Amino acid sequence: MKLFLKGAKCFTDKCPVEKRNFAPGQHGKDRKAKVVGYGLQLREKQKAKRIYFTQEGQFRNYFEKAAQSKGVTGEMLLQQLERRLDNVVYRLGFAVARRQARQLVRHGHVAVNGRKVNIPSYQVSVGDEIAVREKSNKLALLESAKEFASHQAPPNWLEADRDNYKGRVTALPQREDINLPINEQLIVELYSK
């Protein structure tokens, strides 16, 4: 399944998933393993982990926090994942891919409420202002990201000023705002065993 982890490359015909959509090896085209039950649940969890670039322990912690909070556990889990700083930087259009956004954060190019934050898993809150630091405004990858993001509007829960590389969290993300191919109910069922 196409997870759009490669940034701009997977929007063209050169995407590896489009070129070769079958298992590797001599008999890859012939065999199709039927995935049911546990395999489906595991695949959904792995998909979510890979989209947001989290480790197993970190993902489990997100789930446990979501299970303890009020509301639907699956939606709370996705809400926590969406509120990660690297994801917010990607959603604001400061990077072409989540990996690039993660690198921007890790290298200290991003500030939250005027303070440098270099932790990709930092949880943003409503009212937080995310901005690219003044020294980093001239980066070439920011220009290409701005051009790439100009075709899409930011999500409803974010307010973006792409010309000045600033953004604000106006609300918590709702399930309707998260348009990813994740079935969070299967993840909840997997961890509930």
N, C-alpha and C. Protein backbone atom coordinates (compact mmCIF):
# COMPACT_ATOMS: atom_id res chain seq x y z
N MET A 1 0.84 -1.18 0.00
CA MET A 1 0.00 0.00 0.00
C MET A 1 0.88 1.24 0.00
N LYS A 2 0.48 2.23 -0.71
CA LYS A 2 1.23 3.48 -0.82
C LYS A 2 1.04 4.30 0.45
N LEU A 3 2.13 4.56 1.19
CA LEU A 3 2.04 5.33 2.43
C LEU A 3 2.57 6.74 2.27
N PHE A 4 3.05 7.10 1.08
CA PHE A 4 3.57 8.43 0.78
C PHE A 4 4.72 8.81 1.71
N LEU A 5 5.62 7.86 1.97
CA LEU A 5 6.76 8.12 2.84
C LEU A 5 7.91 8.76 2.08
N LYS A 6 7.90 8.69 0.76
CA LYS A 6 9.00 9.17 -0.05
C LYS A 6 8.87 10.62 -0.48
N GLY A 7 7.88 11.33 -0.01
CA GLY A 7 7.72 12.72 -0.39
C GLY A 7 7.19 12.86 -1.80
N ALA A 8 7.81 13.73 -2.59
CA ALA A 8 7.31 14.06 -3.93
C ALA A 8 7.45 12.90 -4.90
N LYS A 9 8.37 11.98 -4.65
CA LYS A 9 8.65 10.91 -5.59
C LYS A 9 7.43 10.01 -5.83
N CYS A 10 6.64 9.76 -4.80
CA CYS A 10 5.53 8.83 -4.94
C CYS A 10 4.28 9.46 -5.54
N PHE A 11 4.37 10.68 -6.02
CA PHE A 11 3.25 11.29 -6.72
C PHE A 11 3.41 11.13 -8.23
N THR A 12 4.52 10.53 -8.66
CA THR A 12 4.78 10.34 -10.08
C THR A 12 4.66 8.86 -10.44
N ASP A 13 4.89 8.54 -11.70
CA ASP A 13 4.85 7.15 -12.14
C ASP A 13 6.09 6.36 -11.71
N LYS A 14 7.10 7.05 -11.19
CA LYS A 14 8.34 6.39 -10.81
C LYS A 14 8.28 5.78 -9.40
N CYS A 15 7.15 5.89 -8.74
CA CYS A 15 6.99 5.34 -7.39
C CYS A 15 7.18 3.83 -7.42
N PRO A 16 8.04 3.28 -6.54
CA PRO A 16 8.28 1.83 -6.53
C PRO A 16 7.01 1.01 -6.31
N VAL A 17 6.07 1.54 -5.56
CA VAL A 17 4.83 0.81 -5.30
C VAL A 17 4.01 0.68 -6.58
N GLU A 18 4.04 1.71 -7.42
CA GLU A 18 3.31 1.67 -8.68
C GLU A 18 4.01 0.76 -9.69
N LYS A 19 5.34 0.80 -9.70
CA LYS A 19 6.10 0.02 -10.67
C LYS A 19 5.95 -1.48 -10.43
N ARG A 20 6.12 -1.88 -9.17
CA ARG A 20 6.14 -3.30 -8.85
C ARG A 20 5.28 -3.56 -7.62
N ASN A 21 4.00 -3.80 -7.85
CA ASN A 21 3.07 -3.97 -6.75
C ASN A 21 2.81 -5.45 -6.47
N PHE A 22 3.90 -6.20 -6.20
CA PHE A 22 3.78 -7.61 -5.83
C PHE A 22 4.99 -8.00 -5.01
N ALA A 23 4.93 -9.16 -4.40
CA ALA A 23 5.99 -9.62 -3.51
C ALA A 23 7.27 -9.87 -4.30
N PRO A 24 8.44 -9.73 -3.65
CA PRO A 24 9.70 -9.96 -4.36
C PRO A 24 9.91 -11.44 -4.64
N GLY A 25 10.75 -11.73 -5.60
CA GLY A 25 11.12 -13.11 -5.90
C GLY A 25 10.46 -13.65 -7.15
N GLN A 26 10.88 -14.87 -7.49
CA GLN A 26 10.44 -15.52 -8.71
C GLN A 26 8.93 -15.78 -8.71
N HIS A 27 8.38 -16.14 -7.55
CA HIS A 27 6.96 -16.49 -7.47
C HIS A 27 6.13 -15.38 -6.82
N GLY A 28 6.66 -14.18 -6.80
CA GLY A 28 5.97 -13.06 -6.16
C GLY A 28 4.62 -12.75 -6.76
N LYS A 29 4.53 -12.86 -8.09
CA LYS A 29 3.26 -12.55 -8.76
C LYS A 29 2.22 -13.65 -8.57
N ASP A 30 2.70 -14.88 -8.35
CA ASP A 30 1.80 -16.02 -8.26
C ASP A 30 1.09 -16.13 -6.92
N ARG A 31 1.82 -15.86 -5.84
CA ARG A 31 1.27 -16.09 -4.50
C ARG A 31 0.66 -14.84 -3.91
N LYS A 32 -0.49 -15.00 -3.36
CA LYS A 32 -1.13 -13.93 -2.59
C LYS A 32 -1.55 -14.54 -1.27
N ALA A 33 -0.85 -14.24 -0.20
CA ALA A 33 -1.21 -14.77 1.11
C ALA A 33 -2.44 -14.02 1.63
N LYS A 34 -3.38 -14.77 2.15
CA LYS A 34 -4.59 -14.16 2.68
C LYS A 34 -4.32 -13.76 4.13
N VAL A 35 -4.48 -12.48 4.42
CA VAL A 35 -4.20 -11.97 5.76
C VAL A 35 -5.53 -11.78 6.49
N VAL A 36 -5.67 -12.45 7.63
CA VAL A 36 -6.90 -12.33 8.42
C VAL A 36 -6.55 -12.19 9.90
N GLY A 37 -7.50 -11.72 10.69
CA GLY A 37 -7.36 -11.68 12.14
C GLY A 37 -6.17 -10.89 12.63
N TYR A 38 -5.30 -11.60 13.34
CA TYR A 38 -4.13 -10.98 13.96
C TYR A 38 -3.25 -10.29 12.92
N GLY A 39 -3.08 -10.92 11.76
CA GLY A 39 -2.24 -10.35 10.71
C GLY A 39 -2.75 -9.00 10.24
N LEU A 40 -4.07 -8.86 10.10
CA LEU A 40 -4.66 -7.58 9.70
C LEU A 40 -4.41 -6.51 10.75
N GLN A 41 -4.62 -6.89 12.02
CA GLN A 41 -4.42 -5.94 13.11
C GLN A 41 -2.96 -5.50 13.19
N LEU A 42 -2.06 -6.45 13.07
CA LEU A 42 -0.63 -6.14 13.12
C LEU A 42 -0.23 -5.23 11.97
N ARG A 43 -0.75 -5.53 10.78
CA ARG A 43 -0.42 -4.71 9.61
C ARG A 43 -0.88 -3.26 9.79
N GLU A 44 -2.05 -3.05 10.39
CA GLU A 44 -2.55 -1.68 10.64
C GLU A 44 -1.64 -0.95 11.62
N LYS A 45 -1.21 -1.67 12.66
CA LYS A 45 -0.32 -1.04 13.64
C LYS A 45 1.01 -0.67 13.00
N GLN A 46 1.57 -1.59 12.22
CA GLN A 46 2.85 -1.34 11.55
C GLN A 46 2.72 -0.16 10.58
N LYS A 47 1.58 -0.09 9.89
CA LYS A 47 1.34 1.00 8.95
C LYS A 47 1.36 2.34 9.69
N ALA A 48 0.64 2.42 10.81
CA ALA A 48 0.59 3.67 11.59
C ALA A 48 1.98 4.02 12.13
N LYS A 49 2.71 3.01 12.62
CA LYS A 49 4.06 3.25 13.14
C LYS A 49 4.97 3.81 12.06
N ARG A 50 4.86 3.28 10.85
CA ARG A 50 5.75 3.70 9.77
C ARG A 50 5.36 5.06 9.22
N ILE A 51 4.08 5.36 9.21
CA ILE A 51 3.66 6.68 8.73
C ILE A 51 4.21 7.77 9.64
N TYR A 52 4.12 7.55 10.95
CA TYR A 52 4.54 8.58 11.92
C TYR A 52 5.96 8.39 12.44
N PHE A 53 6.67 7.35 11.98
CA PHE A 53 8.07 7.09 12.37
C PHE A 53 8.25 7.00 13.88
N THR A 54 7.51 6.09 14.50
CA THR A 54 7.66 5.86 15.93
C THR A 54 8.21 4.46 16.17
N GLN A 55 8.85 4.28 17.31
CA GLN A 55 9.33 2.97 17.71
C GLN A 55 8.20 2.22 18.41
N GLU A 56 8.38 0.93 18.64
CA GLU A 56 7.34 0.11 19.25
C GLU A 56 6.98 0.58 20.66
N GLY A 57 7.98 0.84 21.48
CA GLY A 57 7.72 1.28 22.86
C GLY A 57 7.00 2.61 22.91
N GLN A 58 7.43 3.51 22.07
CA GLN A 58 6.82 4.84 22.01
C GLN A 58 5.36 4.73 21.54
N PHE A 59 5.12 3.88 20.56
CA PHE A 59 3.76 3.69 20.04
C PHE A 59 2.86 3.10 21.12
N ARG A 60 3.39 2.14 21.89
CA ARG A 60 2.62 1.53 22.97
C ARG A 60 2.28 2.58 24.03
N ASN A 61 3.23 3.46 24.33
CA ASN A 61 2.96 4.53 25.31
C ASN A 61 1.85 5.44 24.82
N TYR A 62 1.87 5.76 23.53
CA TYR A 62 0.79 6.58 22.97
C TYR A 62 -0.56 5.87 23.15
N PHE A 63 -0.56 4.55 22.90
CA PHE A 63 -1.81 3.80 23.03
C PHE A 63 -2.29 3.80 24.48
N GLU A 64 -1.38 3.58 25.42
CA GLU A 64 -1.78 3.53 26.83
C GLU A 64 -2.32 4.88 27.31
N LYS A 65 -1.72 5.97 26.86
CA LYS A 65 -2.25 7.30 27.20
C LYS A 65 -3.63 7.49 26.59
N ALA A 66 -3.80 7.03 25.35
CA ALA A 66 -5.09 7.16 24.67
C ALA A 66 -6.16 6.33 25.38
N ALA A 67 -5.78 5.15 25.87
CA ALA A 67 -6.73 4.28 26.55
C ALA A 67 -7.18 4.89 27.88
N GLN A 68 -6.30 5.63 28.55
CA GLN A 68 -6.63 6.23 29.84
C GLN A 68 -7.42 7.53 29.69
N SER A 69 -7.33 8.18 28.54
CA SER A 69 -8.01 9.46 28.37
C SER A 69 -9.48 9.24 28.02
N LYS A 70 -10.28 10.27 28.23
CA LYS A 70 -11.71 10.19 27.93
C LYS A 70 -11.91 10.32 26.43
N GLY A 71 -12.83 9.54 25.88
CA GLY A 71 -13.10 9.58 24.45
C GLY A 71 -12.82 8.23 23.81
N VAL A 72 -12.98 8.17 22.51
CA VAL A 72 -12.75 6.94 21.76
C VAL A 72 -11.24 6.71 21.68
N THR A 73 -10.80 5.54 22.12
CA THR A 73 -9.36 5.25 22.23
C THR A 73 -8.64 5.40 20.90
N GLY A 74 -9.20 4.87 19.83
CA GLY A 74 -8.54 4.95 18.51
C GLY A 74 -8.37 6.37 18.04
N GLU A 75 -9.40 7.19 18.24
CA GLU A 75 -9.31 8.60 17.83
C GLU A 75 -8.32 9.36 18.69
N MET A 76 -8.27 9.05 19.98
CA MET A 76 -7.30 9.71 20.87
C MET A 76 -5.87 9.35 20.46
N LEU A 77 -5.66 8.09 20.06
CA LEU A 77 -4.34 7.65 19.60
C LEU A 77 -3.91 8.43 18.37
N LEU A 78 -4.81 8.53 17.38
CA LEU A 78 -4.48 9.27 16.16
C LEU A 78 -4.27 10.75 16.46
N GLN A 79 -5.03 11.28 17.41
CA GLN A 79 -4.88 12.69 17.79
C GLN A 79 -3.49 12.95 18.37
N GLN A 80 -3.03 12.04 19.22
CA GLN A 80 -1.68 12.18 19.79
C GLN A 80 -0.61 12.10 18.70
N LEU A 81 -0.78 11.17 17.78
CA LEU A 81 0.20 11.02 16.70
C LEU A 81 0.22 12.26 15.80
N GLU A 82 -0.94 12.83 15.53
CA GLU A 82 -1.03 14.03 14.69
C GLU A 82 -0.40 15.24 15.37
N ARG A 83 -0.44 15.28 16.69
CA ARG A 83 0.08 16.44 17.42
C ARG A 83 1.59 16.39 17.65
N ARG A 84 2.26 15.38 17.12
CA ARG A 84 3.73 15.35 17.20
C ARG A 84 4.30 16.53 16.41
N LEU A 85 5.36 17.12 16.90
CA LEU A 85 5.92 18.32 16.27
C LEU A 85 6.37 18.04 14.84
N ASP A 86 7.02 16.91 14.60
CA ASP A 86 7.48 16.62 13.23
C ASP A 86 6.29 16.51 12.27
N ASN A 87 5.19 15.93 12.73
CA ASN A 87 4.00 15.83 11.88
C ASN A 87 3.37 17.20 11.64
N VAL A 88 3.35 18.05 12.65
CA VAL A 88 2.76 19.39 12.51
C VAL A 88 3.58 20.22 11.52
N VAL A 89 4.91 20.10 11.60
CA VAL A 89 5.77 20.82 10.65
C VAL A 89 5.47 20.34 9.23
N TYR A 90 5.27 19.04 9.06
CA TYR A 90 4.92 18.50 7.74
C TYR A 90 3.55 19.01 7.29
N ARG A 91 2.57 18.98 8.17
CA ARG A 91 1.21 19.41 7.84
C ARG A 91 1.14 20.90 7.50
N LEU A 92 2.00 21.70 8.13
CA LEU A 92 2.03 23.13 7.84
C LEU A 92 2.64 23.42 6.47
N GLY A 93 3.34 22.45 5.90
CA GLY A 93 3.91 22.63 4.57
C GLY A 93 5.34 23.13 4.58
N PHE A 94 6.05 22.94 5.73
CA PHE A 94 7.45 23.37 5.80
C PHE A 94 8.38 22.28 5.30
N ALA A 95 7.85 21.09 5.02
CA ALA A 95 8.66 19.97 4.52
C ALA A 95 7.84 19.17 3.53
N VAL A 96 8.53 18.50 2.62
CA VAL A 96 7.87 17.72 1.58
C VAL A 96 7.39 16.37 2.13
N ALA A 97 8.12 15.82 3.10
CA ALA A 97 7.78 14.52 3.68
C ALA A 97 7.96 14.57 5.19
N ARG A 98 7.39 13.59 5.89
CA ARG A 98 7.52 13.56 7.35
C ARG A 98 8.97 13.36 7.78
N ARG A 99 9.71 12.58 7.02
CA ARG A 99 11.13 12.39 7.35
C ARG A 99 11.89 13.70 7.27
N GLN A 100 11.59 14.48 6.25
CA GLN A 100 12.25 15.78 6.10
C GLN A 100 11.86 16.71 7.25
N ALA A 101 10.59 16.67 7.64
CA ALA A 101 10.12 17.48 8.77
C ALA A 101 10.82 17.05 10.05
N ARG A 102 10.98 15.75 10.21
CA ARG A 102 11.67 15.22 11.39
C ARG A 102 13.11 15.72 11.44
N GLN A 103 13.76 15.75 10.30
CA GLN A 103 15.15 16.23 10.23
C GLN A 103 15.22 17.72 10.53
N LEU A 104 14.26 18.49 10.02
CA LEU A 104 14.21 19.93 10.32
C LEU A 104 14.13 20.17 11.83
N VAL A 105 13.26 19.41 12.48
CA VAL A 105 13.09 19.55 13.93
C VAL A 105 14.36 19.11 14.65
N ARG A 106 14.88 17.96 14.26
CA ARG A 106 16.05 17.38 14.92
C ARG A 106 17.28 18.29 14.83
N HIS A 107 17.42 19.01 13.73
CA HIS A 107 18.57 19.88 13.53
C HIS A 107 18.38 21.27 14.13
N GLY A 108 17.27 21.47 14.84
CA GLY A 108 17.07 22.72 15.57
C GLY A 108 16.60 23.89 14.72
N HIS A 109 15.92 23.62 13.61
CA HIS A 109 15.45 24.70 12.75
C HIS A 109 14.06 25.20 13.13
N VAL A 110 13.40 24.52 14.09
CA VAL A 110 12.01 24.84 14.42
C VAL A 110 11.90 25.36 15.85
N ALA A 111 11.05 26.37 16.02
CA ALA A 111 10.79 26.94 17.35
C ALA A 111 9.30 26.82 17.66
N VAL A 112 8.99 26.52 18.91
CA VAL A 112 7.61 26.49 19.38
C VAL A 112 7.46 27.59 20.42
N ASN A 113 6.57 28.52 20.16
CA ASN A 113 6.35 29.67 21.03
C ASN A 113 7.65 30.44 21.28
N GLY A 114 8.48 30.56 20.25
CA GLY A 114 9.71 31.34 20.34
C GLY A 114 10.90 30.60 20.91
N ARG A 115 10.72 29.36 21.35
CA ARG A 115 11.83 28.58 21.92
C ARG A 115 12.19 27.43 21.01
N LYS A 116 13.49 27.21 20.80
CA LYS A 116 13.95 26.13 19.94
C LYS A 116 13.56 24.77 20.55
N VAL A 117 12.98 23.92 19.73
CA VAL A 117 12.63 22.57 20.15
C VAL A 117 13.21 21.61 19.12
N ASN A 118 14.02 20.64 19.59
CA ASN A 118 14.62 19.69 18.65
C ASN A 118 14.20 18.25 18.95
N ILE A 119 13.00 18.09 19.51
CA ILE A 119 12.47 16.77 19.82
C ILE A 119 11.27 16.51 18.90
N PRO A 120 11.40 15.58 17.94
CA PRO A 120 10.32 15.34 16.98
C PRO A 120 9.01 14.88 17.62
N SER A 121 9.08 14.20 18.77
CA SER A 121 7.87 13.68 19.39
C SER A 121 7.21 14.69 20.32
N TYR A 122 7.70 15.91 20.37
CA TYR A 122 7.12 16.96 21.23
C TYR A 122 5.64 17.13 20.87
N GLN A 123 4.78 17.12 21.89
CA GLN A 123 3.34 17.25 21.68
C GLN A 123 2.93 18.72 21.70
N VAL A 124 2.42 19.22 20.59
CA VAL A 124 1.97 20.61 20.55
C VAL A 124 0.57 20.70 21.17
N SER A 125 0.23 21.87 21.68
CA SER A 125 -1.07 22.10 22.30
C SER A 125 -1.81 23.18 21.52
N VAL A 126 -3.08 23.34 21.83
CA VAL A 126 -3.88 24.39 21.20
C VAL A 126 -3.30 25.74 21.58
N GLY A 127 -3.10 26.61 20.60
CA GLY A 127 -2.55 27.93 20.84
C GLY A 127 -1.05 28.03 20.62
N ASP A 128 -0.35 26.91 20.48
CA ASP A 128 1.09 26.93 20.24
C ASP A 128 1.38 27.52 18.86
N GLU A 129 2.45 28.31 18.80
CA GLU A 129 2.89 28.87 17.52
C GLU A 129 4.17 28.16 17.10
N ILE A 130 4.13 27.56 15.93
CA ILE A 130 5.28 26.84 15.38
C ILE A 130 5.87 27.68 14.26
N ALA A 131 7.18 27.90 14.31
CA ALA A 131 7.82 28.73 13.30
C ALA A 131 9.21 28.17 12.99
N VAL A 132 9.65 28.40 11.76
CA VAL A 132 11.03 28.09 11.40
C VAL A 132 11.87 29.23 11.94
N ARG A 133 12.98 28.90 12.59
CA ARG A 133 13.81 29.92 13.22
C ARG A 133 14.39 30.89 12.19
N GLU A 134 14.65 32.11 12.63
CA GLU A 134 15.09 33.20 11.75
C GLU A 134 16.34 32.82 10.95
N LYS A 135 17.29 32.14 11.60
CA LYS A 135 18.55 31.77 10.94
C LYS A 135 18.33 30.75 9.82
N SER A 136 17.26 29.98 9.92
CA SER A 136 17.03 28.88 8.98
C SER A 136 16.11 29.24 7.82
N ASN A 137 15.62 30.46 7.75
CA ASN A 137 14.66 30.85 6.72
C ASN A 137 15.18 30.72 5.29
N LYS A 138 16.48 30.72 5.11
CA LYS A 138 17.07 30.71 3.77
C LYS A 138 17.35 29.30 3.25
N LEU A 139 16.94 28.27 3.96
CA LEU A 139 17.22 26.90 3.52
C LEU A 139 16.51 26.61 2.19
N ALA A 140 17.22 25.95 1.29
CA ALA A 140 16.66 25.65 -0.04
C ALA A 140 15.50 24.67 0.06
N LEU A 141 15.56 23.75 1.01
CA LEU A 141 14.48 22.76 1.11
C LEU A 141 13.18 23.41 1.57
N LEU A 142 13.25 24.54 2.26
CA LEU A 142 12.02 25.25 2.66
C LEU A 142 11.33 25.85 1.44
N GLU A 143 12.13 26.36 0.51
CA GLU A 143 11.56 26.93 -0.71
C GLU A 143 10.84 25.86 -1.53
N SER A 144 11.50 24.71 -1.70
CA SER A 144 10.88 23.63 -2.47
C SER A 144 9.64 23.09 -1.75
N ALA A 145 9.68 23.05 -0.42
CA ALA A 145 8.52 22.59 0.34
C ALA A 145 7.36 23.56 0.22
N LYS A 146 7.67 24.87 0.21
CA LYS A 146 6.62 25.87 0.07
C LYS A 146 5.93 25.74 -1.28
N GLU A 147 6.73 25.51 -2.31
CA GLU A 147 6.17 25.34 -3.66
C GLU A 147 5.33 24.07 -3.73
N PHE A 148 5.80 23.00 -3.10
CA PHE A 148 5.09 21.72 -3.07
C PHE A 148 3.77 21.85 -2.31
N ALA A 149 3.78 22.57 -1.19
CA ALA A 149 2.60 22.69 -0.33
C ALA A 149 1.59 23.72 -0.84
N SER A 150 2.00 24.54 -1.80
CA SER A 150 1.09 25.58 -2.28
C SER A 150 -0.15 24.99 -2.95
N HIS A 151 -0.08 23.73 -3.36
CA HIS A 151 -1.21 23.08 -4.03
C HIS A 151 -2.25 22.53 -3.05
N GLN A 152 -1.89 22.45 -1.76
CA GLN A 152 -2.80 21.88 -0.78
C GLN A 152 -3.00 22.82 0.39
N ALA A 153 -4.20 22.84 0.92
CA ALA A 153 -4.51 23.69 2.08
C ALA A 153 -4.12 22.95 3.35
N PRO A 154 -3.74 23.68 4.40
CA PRO A 154 -3.43 23.02 5.67
C PRO A 154 -4.71 22.45 6.29
N PRO A 155 -4.58 21.49 7.20
CA PRO A 155 -5.77 20.93 7.84
C PRO A 155 -6.55 22.00 8.62
N ASN A 156 -7.81 21.69 8.94
CA ASN A 156 -8.68 22.65 9.63
C ASN A 156 -8.16 23.06 11.00
N TRP A 157 -7.40 22.17 11.66
CA TRP A 157 -6.96 22.45 13.02
C TRP A 157 -5.66 23.26 13.06
N LEU A 158 -5.11 23.59 11.89
CA LEU A 158 -3.88 24.39 11.81
C LEU A 158 -4.13 25.65 10.99
N GLU A 159 -3.42 26.70 11.36
CA GLU A 159 -3.47 27.97 10.63
C GLU A 159 -2.04 28.23 10.15
N ALA A 160 -1.84 28.34 8.84
CA ALA A 160 -0.48 28.43 8.30
C ALA A 160 -0.24 29.76 7.59
N ASP A 161 0.95 30.32 7.84
CA ASP A 161 1.44 31.49 7.12
C ASP A 161 2.73 31.03 6.43
N ARG A 162 2.59 30.46 5.24
CA ARG A 162 3.73 29.81 4.58
C ARG A 162 4.77 30.79 4.09
N ASP A 163 4.40 32.04 3.83
CA ASP A 163 5.38 33.02 3.37
C ASP A 163 6.38 33.36 4.47
N ASN A 164 5.92 33.40 5.72
CA ASN A 164 6.79 33.72 6.86
C ASN A 164 7.21 32.47 7.63
N TYR A 165 6.83 31.29 7.12
CA TYR A 165 7.15 30.01 7.76
C TYR A 165 6.68 29.98 9.21
N LYS A 166 5.42 30.31 9.41
CA LYS A 166 4.82 30.27 10.75
C LYS A 166 3.50 29.54 10.69
N GLY A 167 3.10 29.02 11.81
CA GLY A 167 1.81 28.35 11.90
C GLY A 167 1.33 28.33 13.34
N ARG A 168 0.04 28.10 13.50
CA ARG A 168 -0.56 28.07 14.84
C ARG A 168 -1.53 26.91 14.92
N VAL A 169 -1.54 26.26 16.09
CA VAL A 169 -2.49 25.19 16.36
C VAL A 169 -3.76 25.85 16.89
N THR A 170 -4.84 25.78 16.13
CA THR A 170 -6.08 26.45 16.53
C THR A 170 -7.05 25.53 17.26
N ALA A 171 -6.92 24.22 17.07
CA ALA A 171 -7.81 23.26 17.72
C ALA A 171 -7.12 21.89 17.76
N LEU A 172 -7.73 20.96 18.44
CA LEU A 172 -7.22 19.59 18.43
C LEU A 172 -7.69 18.90 17.15
N PRO A 173 -6.85 18.04 16.56
CA PRO A 173 -7.27 17.37 15.33
C PRO A 173 -8.42 16.40 15.59
N GLN A 174 -9.41 16.41 14.72
CA GLN A 174 -10.53 15.46 14.79
C GLN A 174 -10.29 14.35 13.78
N ARG A 175 -11.04 13.27 13.90
CA ARG A 175 -10.85 12.13 13.00
C ARG A 175 -11.09 12.51 11.54
N GLU A 176 -12.02 13.43 11.29
CA GLU A 176 -12.32 13.84 9.92
C GLU A 176 -11.13 14.56 9.28
N ASP A 177 -10.29 15.21 10.10
CA ASP A 177 -9.14 15.96 9.59
C ASP A 177 -7.98 15.04 9.20
N ILE A 178 -7.99 13.82 9.71
CA ILE A 178 -6.88 12.89 9.46
C ILE A 178 -7.28 11.98 8.31
N ASN A 179 -6.78 12.31 7.14
CA ASN A 179 -7.17 11.55 5.94
C ASN A 179 -6.10 10.52 5.56
N LEU A 180 -5.76 9.67 6.51
CA LEU A 180 -4.77 8.62 6.28
C LEU A 180 -5.47 7.27 6.21
N PRO A 181 -4.90 6.32 5.47
CA PRO A 181 -5.55 5.01 5.32
C PRO A 181 -5.32 4.11 6.53
N ILE A 182 -5.71 4.57 7.72
CA ILE A 182 -5.50 3.81 8.95
C ILE A 182 -6.86 3.45 9.54
N ASN A 183 -7.02 2.18 9.88
CA ASN A 183 -8.22 1.73 10.59
C ASN A 183 -7.82 1.57 12.06
N GLU A 184 -8.03 2.62 12.85
CA GLU A 184 -7.56 2.65 14.23
C GLU A 184 -8.24 1.61 15.11
N GLN A 185 -9.43 1.15 14.71
CA GLN A 185 -10.15 0.14 15.50
C GLN A 185 -9.37 -1.17 15.56
N LEU A 186 -8.70 -1.52 14.46
CA LEU A 186 -7.89 -2.75 14.45
C LEU A 186 -6.70 -2.64 15.38
N ILE A 187 -6.13 -1.43 15.51
CA ILE A 187 -5.00 -1.22 16.43
C ILE A 187 -5.47 -1.38 17.87
N VAL A 188 -6.65 -0.83 18.18
CA VAL A 188 -7.20 -0.95 19.52
C VAL A 188 -7.48 -2.42 19.84
N GLU A 189 -8.02 -3.16 18.88
CA GLU A 189 -8.29 -4.59 19.09
C GLU A 189 -6.99 -5.35 19.33
N LEU A 190 -5.93 -5.00 18.61
CA LEU A 190 -4.64 -5.69 18.77
C LEU A 190 -4.10 -5.49 20.18
N TYR A 191 -4.11 -4.27 20.66
CA TYR A 191 -3.56 -4.00 22.00
C TYR A 191 -4.49 -4.43 23.12
N SER A 192 -5.75 -4.70 22.82
CA SER A 192 -6.71 -5.09 23.85
C SER A 192 -6.67 -6.61 24.14
N LYS A 193 -5.86 -7.34 23.39
CA LYS A 193 -5.79 -8.81 23.61
C LYS A 193 -5.09 -9.15 24.91
